[in-house]
Amino acid sequence: MNLNIADWKGFVIHKLFKLENGKANQGMLEEGNECFYVGAKKDDNGVMIHCIKDIDLMQKGNCIIFICNGQGSVGYANYMDVDFIGTTDIVAGYNENLNPYNGIFIATILCQERPKYSFGRKWKTHLKETIINLPIRHNADGTPYIDDTCKYSDEGYIPDWDWMEKYIKSLHYHPLTTKNTDNTSIKLDTSNWEYFLLKDICTITMGNKLDYSVMSMDDPSVNFVGRSADNNGVAGKVDYVLDDKGNVIKPYKAGCITVALGGSLGSSYLQVEDFYTSQNVSVLEFEDGISNATKLFITTCIMNESKYKYFPFGRELNTHIRTDFGFTLPIQRKTDGTPIIDKTLKYSPKGYIPDWQWMETYIKSLPYGDRM
């Protein structure tokens, strides 16, 4: 089925859905396995934990979950098929025509509203008046079907619930597969790795230091990377930013690594699209020839090193990342196993050279690494 949005029409949320606020916070719940606790989270369909049912807090399933708060996920939407307990950071939207198929379709369309909202501009304030475009029902002659009661729109248009369901069912989806297994993965022996300072293996800058809450989003084209551990650190897309002279501030190029120096401290991601950054996000740029797989290896090393040694309001990562922050890596060796020594000491005071190729090969040997 072709997706032609030219004939879609706008619908206001409060006319499409009966809205019901979430009622709970995690402190009100008992641990158990009777139902989902759904929060301000895009991943895992919003499920935070499993808990004991509380009749006073339960909400019906077969609804759209609007995520109205949260630094990383505000503005996203999910479809929830089963009864659940919802946090006060979500709003549930109900319509008698919803089912798992058109529900997923609508949730996907709603997620396109994501770039307009942030922790500073919350969705709940604007939710009822949010307008989304959807396919509409037509008469046999191709003209729009008009509902005289104007139930869903002031113009009388009716969403084409059946078409949305058929479209989702028509999609060709196959589970992601891999030929790699735990048995085929390269064994990880760190006993003969050597220590490198991060500043010696890449160029480190401190990002754009922009404020996401004041970004314009009229024609969002560039990823904006914040300090979140969700969604590869990407808070949303923003317009190109102009300096005081009206010139475009160039985004960082795809292929860089970002490191959160606050918030989800140490969260490190390879960025696959051009991007701007918020404050307290450093950007790592590597020399040409170092593959994305190798960079993924490095991001894991950074996160593991940050996990226990650095923390907010104490041992801050931002005071160390360009000085004494480092970790061990595999090194290049001769056929007899002795280290190859670089006399220019480019990467290490001892002349060791990171084994970039081994890191790439290791990542590609992991399950699903062959799908990169």
Protein backbone atom coordinates (compact mmCIF):
# COMPACT_ATOMS: atom_id res chain seq x y z
CA MET A 1 0.00 0.00 0.00
CA ASN A 2 1.25 3.46 -0.90
CA LEU A 3 1.47 6.10 1.80
CA ASN A 4 0.15 9.28 0.17
CA ILE A 5 -0.27 11.94 2.82
CA ALA A 6 -1.44 14.66 0.43
CA ASP A 7 -5.12 13.92 1.13
CA TRP A 8 -4.80 13.51 4.89
CA LYS A 9 -6.66 15.94 7.13
CA GLY A 10 -5.93 17.47 10.53
CA PHE A 11 -7.60 16.21 13.69
CA VAL A 12 -7.43 17.82 17.13
CA ILE A 13 -6.48 15.40 19.91
CA HIS A 14 -9.36 16.26 22.23
CA LYS A 15 -11.87 15.39 19.48
CA LEU A 16 -10.13 12.13 18.61
CA PHE A 17 -9.66 10.79 22.12
CA LYS A 18 -11.18 10.71 25.55
CA LEU A 19 -8.20 11.66 27.72
CA GLU A 20 -7.44 10.20 31.14
CA ASN A 21 -4.51 11.26 33.32
CA GLY A 22 -2.19 8.71 34.90
CA LYS A 23 -2.72 8.31 38.63
CA ALA A 24 0.36 6.81 40.27
CA ASN A 25 3.97 7.20 41.23
CA GLN A 26 6.33 4.33 41.90
CA GLY A 27 6.27 4.87 45.66
CA MET A 28 2.56 3.93 45.72
CA LEU A 29 3.15 0.47 44.22
CA GLU A 30 3.93 -2.97 45.59
CA GLU A 31 6.43 -5.19 43.84
CA GLY A 32 4.85 -8.07 41.92
CA ASN A 33 4.01 -9.52 38.51
CA GLU A 34 0.31 -8.75 38.09
CA CYS A 35 0.44 -5.71 35.81
CA PHE A 36 2.66 -3.13 34.12
CA TYR A 37 3.61 0.22 35.59
CA VAL A 38 3.84 2.56 32.59
CA GLY A 39 5.89 5.73 32.80
CA ALA A 40 7.52 8.55 30.84
CA LYS A 41 9.62 6.19 28.74
CA LYS A 42 9.58 5.49 25.00
CA ASP A 43 11.52 2.23 25.11
CA ASP A 44 9.95 -1.08 26.21
CA ASN A 45 6.55 0.41 25.34
CA GLY A 46 6.84 2.63 28.40
CA VAL A 47 6.93 -0.23 30.91
CA MET A 48 8.98 0.78 33.95
CA ILE A 49 8.39 -2.19 36.29
CA HIS A 50 5.95 -5.01 37.04
CA CYS A 51 3.80 -4.52 40.12
CA ILE A 52 0.77 -5.71 42.10
CA LYS A 53 -2.63 -4.60 40.76
CA ASP A 54 -4.27 -1.71 42.59
CA ILE A 55 -7.88 -1.35 41.41
CA ASP A 56 -7.96 2.34 42.31
CA LEU A 57 -4.96 3.04 40.09
CA MET A 58 -5.68 0.74 37.14
CA GLN A 59 -6.36 2.11 33.66
CA LYS A 60 -7.85 0.24 30.72
CA GLY A 61 -5.69 -0.92 27.85
CA ASN A 62 -6.35 -0.45 24.11
CA CYS A 63 -5.26 3.17 24.30
CA ILE A 64 -2.63 5.62 23.16
CA ILE A 65 -0.12 6.61 25.84
CA PHE A 66 0.96 10.24 25.55
CA ILE A 67 4.28 10.86 27.33
CA CYS A 68 3.88 14.35 28.73
CA ASN A 69 6.99 14.73 30.88
CA GLY A 70 10.56 13.49 31.13
CA GLN A 71 13.81 14.85 29.66
CA GLY A 72 14.42 11.98 27.25
CA SER A 73 10.94 10.87 26.14
CA VAL A 74 8.50 13.78 26.43
CA GLY A 75 6.48 14.09 23.23
CA TYR A 76 6.57 10.42 22.30
CA ALA A 77 3.52 8.15 22.19
CA ASN A 78 2.99 4.40 22.57
CA TYR A 79 0.08 2.05 22.03
CA MET A 80 -0.83 -0.03 25.12
CA ASP A 81 -2.94 -3.13 24.55
CA VAL A 82 -3.44 -4.34 28.15
CA ASP A 83 -4.68 -2.81 31.40
CA PHE A 84 -1.95 -1.02 33.36
CA ILE A 85 -1.07 1.47 36.08
CA GLY A 86 0.16 4.79 34.69
CA THR A 87 2.44 7.43 36.17
CA THR A 88 1.20 10.99 36.47
CA ASP A 89 3.62 11.86 33.66
CA ILE A 90 1.42 10.16 31.05
CA VAL A 91 -2.06 10.68 29.62
CA ALA A 92 -4.08 7.81 28.13
CA GLY A 93 -6.22 8.44 25.04
CA TYR A 94 -9.25 6.25 24.27
CA ASN A 95 -11.37 5.76 21.15
CA GLU A 96 -13.78 2.90 20.47
CA ASN A 97 -12.26 2.37 17.03
CA LEU A 98 -8.73 1.70 18.30
CA ASN A 99 -7.10 -1.69 17.85
CA PRO A 100 -3.46 -2.83 17.98
CA TYR A 101 -2.91 -2.06 14.29
CA ASN A 102 -4.37 1.42 13.88
CA GLY A 103 -3.15 2.16 17.41
CA ILE A 104 0.45 1.56 16.33
CA PHE A 105 -0.15 3.65 13.20
CA ILE A 106 -1.46 6.62 15.20
CA ALA A 107 1.25 6.33 17.88
CA THR A 108 3.85 6.51 15.12
CA ILE A 109 2.25 9.63 13.64
CA LEU A 110 2.07 11.22 17.09
CA CYS A 111 5.78 10.62 17.65
CA GLN A 112 6.44 13.08 14.83
CA GLU A 113 5.31 15.76 17.31
CA ARG A 114 8.29 14.84 19.51
CA PRO A 115 10.68 17.62 18.33
CA LYS A 116 8.28 20.32 19.55
CA TYR A 117 8.51 19.35 23.21
CA SER A 118 11.16 19.13 25.92
CA PHE A 119 11.52 19.18 29.69
CA GLY A 120 11.00 22.95 29.50
CA ARG A 121 8.03 22.77 27.11
CA LYS A 122 5.84 19.96 28.35
CA TRP A 123 3.27 18.24 26.18
CA LYS A 124 0.46 18.12 28.75
CA THR A 125 -0.07 21.88 28.48
CA HIS A 126 -0.62 21.65 24.72
CA LEU A 127 -1.90 18.08 24.32
CA LYS A 128 -5.62 18.74 23.88
CA GLU A 129 -5.02 21.21 21.06
CA THR A 130 -2.33 19.19 19.28
CA ILE A 131 -3.28 18.56 15.64
CA ILE A 132 -2.20 15.45 13.75
CA ASN A 133 -2.85 14.58 10.13
CA LEU A 134 -4.52 11.23 9.41
CA PRO A 135 -6.05 9.49 6.39
CA ILE A 136 -9.80 10.06 6.09
CA ARG A 137 -12.77 8.02 4.93
CA HIS A 138 -13.99 8.60 1.37
CA ASN A 139 -17.21 7.91 -0.52
CA ALA A 140 -17.28 5.45 -3.41
CA ASP A 141 -16.74 8.33 -5.85
CA GLY A 142 -13.56 9.39 -4.04
CA THR A 143 -14.98 12.45 -2.31
CA PRO A 144 -14.46 12.82 1.46
CA TYR A 145 -17.15 11.24 3.62
CA ILE A 146 -18.66 13.98 5.80
CA ASP A 147 -20.13 13.29 9.25
CA ASP A 148 -22.94 15.77 9.92
CA THR A 149 -22.35 15.48 13.68
CA CYS A 150 -18.73 16.62 13.26
CA LYS A 151 -17.69 14.13 15.92
CA TYR A 152 -14.00 14.05 15.04
CA SER A 153 -13.42 17.34 13.25
CA ASP A 154 -15.22 20.63 12.74
CA GLU A 155 -15.21 19.92 8.99
CA GLY A 156 -16.89 16.53 9.49
CA TYR A 157 -13.94 14.39 8.38
CA ILE A 158 -13.66 10.89 9.87
CA PRO A 159 -10.35 9.06 10.33
CA ASP A 160 -10.09 5.98 8.12
CA TRP A 161 -9.49 3.48 10.92
CA ASP A 162 -9.73 0.49 8.55
CA TRP A 163 -7.16 1.89 6.12
CA MET A 164 -4.68 2.50 8.94
CA GLU A 165 -5.12 -1.09 10.12
CA LYS A 166 -4.65 -2.48 6.61
CA TYR A 167 -1.54 -0.36 6.09
CA ILE A 168 0.18 -1.73 9.19
CA LYS A 169 -0.78 -5.29 8.21
CA SER A 170 0.68 -4.73 4.74
CA LEU A 171 4.15 -3.90 6.01
CA HIS A 172 6.78 -6.51 5.30
CA TYR A 173 8.48 -7.24 8.58
CA HIS A 174 10.99 -9.96 9.30
CA PRO A 175 12.73 -10.45 12.66
CA LEU A 176 16.35 -9.34 12.68
CA THR A 177 18.59 -12.38 12.33
CA THR A 178 22.29 -13.04 12.83
CA LYS A 179 24.69 -15.80 11.85
CA ASN A 180 26.88 -14.96 14.84
CA THR A 181 26.49 -16.79 18.14
CA ASP A 182 28.13 -16.71 21.53
CA ASN A 183 30.31 -19.57 20.32
CA THR A 184 31.57 -17.67 17.27
CA SER A 185 32.33 -14.45 19.16
CA ILE A 186 35.99 -13.66 19.77
CA LYS A 187 37.07 -14.30 23.34
CA LEU A 188 37.83 -11.15 25.32
CA ASP A 189 41.15 -11.41 27.17
CA THR A 190 42.14 -8.05 28.66
CA SER A 191 45.24 -9.29 30.49
CA ASN A 192 47.66 -7.95 27.88
CA TRP A 193 45.90 -4.68 27.07
CA GLU A 194 47.65 -1.37 27.72
CA TYR A 195 46.48 1.92 29.20
CA PHE A 196 45.66 4.94 27.01
CA LEU A 197 44.46 8.42 27.88
CA LEU A 198 41.35 9.32 25.89
CA LYS A 199 42.85 12.68 24.89
CA ASP A 200 45.73 10.85 23.18
CA ILE A 201 43.60 8.70 20.87
CA CYS A 202 41.11 11.34 19.66
CA THR A 203 40.35 15.05 19.61
CA ILE A 204 38.03 16.15 22.43
CA THR A 205 35.91 19.31 22.28
CA MET A 206 33.17 20.49 24.60
CA GLY A 207 30.25 20.60 22.18
CA ASN A 208 28.04 23.51 21.10
CA LYS A 209 26.67 24.24 24.60
CA LEU A 210 23.21 25.07 23.24
CA ASP A 211 19.90 25.13 25.14
CA TYR A 212 17.37 22.67 23.70
CA SER A 213 14.41 24.48 25.26
CA VAL A 214 15.02 27.60 23.14
CA MET A 215 15.71 25.83 19.85
CA SER A 216 13.34 26.56 16.95
CA MET A 217 11.70 23.61 15.26
CA ASP A 218 9.92 25.06 12.24
CA ASP A 219 11.94 22.90 9.85
CA PRO A 220 13.76 20.44 12.14
CA SER A 221 16.74 19.03 10.25
CA VAL A 222 19.56 18.44 12.74
CA ASN A 223 19.76 16.04 15.69
CA PHE A 224 20.19 17.64 19.10
CA VAL A 225 22.22 15.52 21.53
CA GLY A 226 21.72 16.03 25.25
CA ARG A 227 22.80 14.31 28.45
CA SER A 228 20.20 11.53 28.32
CA ALA A 229 20.92 7.80 28.24
CA ASP A 230 17.89 7.25 25.98
CA ASN A 231 17.63 7.31 22.19
CA ASN A 232 21.39 7.49 21.60
CA GLY A 233 21.39 10.73 23.56
CA VAL A 234 19.26 12.46 20.92
CA ALA A 235 16.62 14.70 22.48
CA GLY A 236 15.04 15.55 19.12
CA LYS A 237 15.57 17.39 15.85
CA VAL A 238 15.96 21.16 15.64
CA ASP A 239 16.40 23.84 12.98
CA TYR A 240 19.86 24.94 11.90
CA VAL A 241 21.17 27.44 14.45
CA LEU A 242 22.37 30.91 13.44
CA ASP A 243 25.09 32.93 15.17
CA ASP A 244 24.84 36.64 16.01
CA LYS A 245 25.78 37.54 12.43
CA GLY A 246 23.12 35.32 10.89
CA ASN A 247 25.53 32.63 9.77
CA VAL A 248 24.70 28.95 10.22
CA ILE A 249 26.57 27.30 13.07
CA LYS A 250 27.92 24.12 11.54
CA PRO A 251 26.75 20.95 13.28
CA TYR A 252 29.22 18.26 14.24
CA LYS A 253 29.58 15.62 11.55
CA ALA A 254 28.20 12.10 11.74
CA GLY A 255 30.79 9.63 12.96
CA CYS A 256 31.69 11.51 16.14
CA ILE A 257 31.19 10.09 19.62
CA THR A 258 29.32 12.08 22.28
CA VAL A 259 29.87 11.71 26.03
CA ALA A 260 27.45 13.06 28.64
CA LEU A 261 29.34 14.95 31.35
CA GLY A 262 26.21 15.47 33.44
CA GLY A 263 22.73 13.97 33.65
CA SER A 264 23.24 10.35 32.60
CA LEU A 265 26.94 10.84 33.26
CA GLY A 266 29.27 8.83 31.06
CA SER A 267 26.62 7.86 28.51
CA SER A 268 28.60 7.55 25.30
CA TYR A 269 27.19 7.11 21.81
CA LEU A 270 28.30 7.02 18.19
CA GLN A 271 26.27 9.63 16.30
CA VAL A 272 25.23 8.49 12.83
CA GLU A 273 23.77 11.85 11.73
CA ASP A 274 25.05 15.43 11.98
CA PHE A 275 24.19 17.02 15.33
CA TYR A 276 24.33 19.89 17.80
CA THR A 277 24.87 19.37 21.54
CA SER A 278 23.63 20.79 24.80
CA GLN A 279 25.89 21.94 27.60
CA ASN A 280 28.01 19.31 29.38
CA VAL A 281 28.32 17.07 26.33
CA SER A 282 31.80 16.45 24.96
CA VAL A 283 32.46 15.41 21.37
CA LEU A 284 35.19 12.98 20.32
CA GLU A 285 36.56 13.11 16.77
CA PHE A 286 38.79 10.30 15.49
CA GLU A 287 41.25 10.20 12.63
CA ASP A 288 40.11 8.92 9.25
CA GLY A 289 40.12 5.18 8.78
CA ILE A 290 38.77 4.26 12.20
CA SER A 291 35.52 2.39 11.60
CA ASN A 292 32.17 2.85 13.30
CA ALA A 293 32.51 -0.65 14.77
CA THR A 294 35.76 0.38 16.45
CA LYS A 295 34.09 3.53 17.76
CA LEU A 296 31.31 1.41 19.28
CA PHE A 297 34.01 -0.56 21.09
CA ILE A 298 35.40 2.74 22.45
CA THR A 299 31.95 3.95 23.61
CA THR A 300 31.57 0.81 25.71
CA CYS A 301 35.00 1.36 27.27
CA ILE A 302 34.06 4.94 28.13
CA MET A 303 30.77 3.94 29.75
CA ASN A 304 32.39 1.15 31.77
CA GLU A 305 35.16 3.46 32.97
CA SER A 306 32.64 6.17 33.95
CA LYS A 307 30.17 3.91 35.70
CA TYR A 308 31.85 3.64 39.09
CA LYS A 309 34.66 6.20 39.08
CA TYR A 310 32.77 9.40 38.29
CA PHE A 311 29.59 10.93 39.67
CA PRO A 312 27.74 14.29 39.74
CA PHE A 313 28.49 16.84 42.46
CA GLY A 314 31.61 14.94 43.44
CA ARG A 315 34.17 13.49 41.06
CA GLU A 316 32.86 15.24 37.95
CA LEU A 317 33.78 13.71 34.60
CA ASN A 318 34.11 17.10 32.92
CA THR A 319 37.22 17.95 34.97
CA HIS A 320 38.94 14.72 33.93
CA ILE A 321 37.88 13.85 30.39
CA ARG A 322 40.50 16.05 28.70
CA THR A 323 43.26 15.36 31.21
CA ASP A 324 43.58 12.02 33.03
CA PHE A 325 40.56 10.00 31.86
CA GLY A 326 41.62 6.73 30.26
CA PHE A 327 41.27 2.96 30.05
CA THR A 328 43.03 -0.10 28.68
CA LEU A 329 42.77 -1.20 25.04
CA PRO A 330 44.18 -4.02 22.91
CA ILE A 331 47.44 -3.01 21.19
CA GLN A 332 49.07 -3.81 17.89
CA ARG A 333 51.66 -6.59 18.13
CA LYS A 334 54.24 -8.27 15.93
CA THR A 335 53.83 -11.87 14.80
CA ASP A 336 55.93 -12.98 17.78
CA GLY A 337 53.53 -11.24 20.18
CA THR A 338 55.77 -8.35 21.17
CA PRO A 339 54.24 -4.84 21.04
CA ILE A 340 54.72 -2.68 17.95
CA ILE A 341 56.31 0.54 19.20
CA ASP A 342 55.59 3.90 17.58
CA LYS A 343 58.68 6.07 18.01
CA THR A 344 56.61 9.24 17.59
CA LEU A 345 54.63 8.32 20.73
CA LYS A 346 51.43 9.45 18.97
CA TYR A 347 49.00 7.50 21.12
CA SER A 348 50.99 6.61 24.23
CA PRO A 349 54.10 7.81 26.11
CA LYS A 350 55.32 4.22 25.81
CA GLY A 351 54.73 4.07 22.06
CA TYR A 352 51.84 1.57 22.13
CA ILE A 353 49.34 1.70 19.26
CA PRO A 354 45.67 0.77 19.76
CA ASP A 355 44.69 -2.26 17.69
CA TRP A 356 41.83 -0.57 15.85
CA GLN A 357 41.31 -3.55 13.53
CA TRP A 358 41.00 -6.04 16.40
CA MET A 359 38.35 -3.87 18.05
CA GLU A 360 36.36 -3.73 14.80
CA THR A 361 36.65 -7.48 14.30
CA TYR A 362 35.52 -8.13 17.87
CA ILE A 363 32.39 -5.99 17.56
CA LYS A 364 31.48 -7.62 14.24
CA SER A 365 31.90 -11.08 15.79
CA LEU A 366 29.21 -10.45 18.41
CA PRO A 367 25.60 -11.58 17.87
CA TYR A 368 24.05 -9.16 15.34
CA GLY A 369 27.48 -7.62 14.68
CA ASP A 370 27.26 -9.10 11.19
CA ARG A 371 24.25 -6.85 10.50
CA MET A 372 26.19 -3.60 10.89
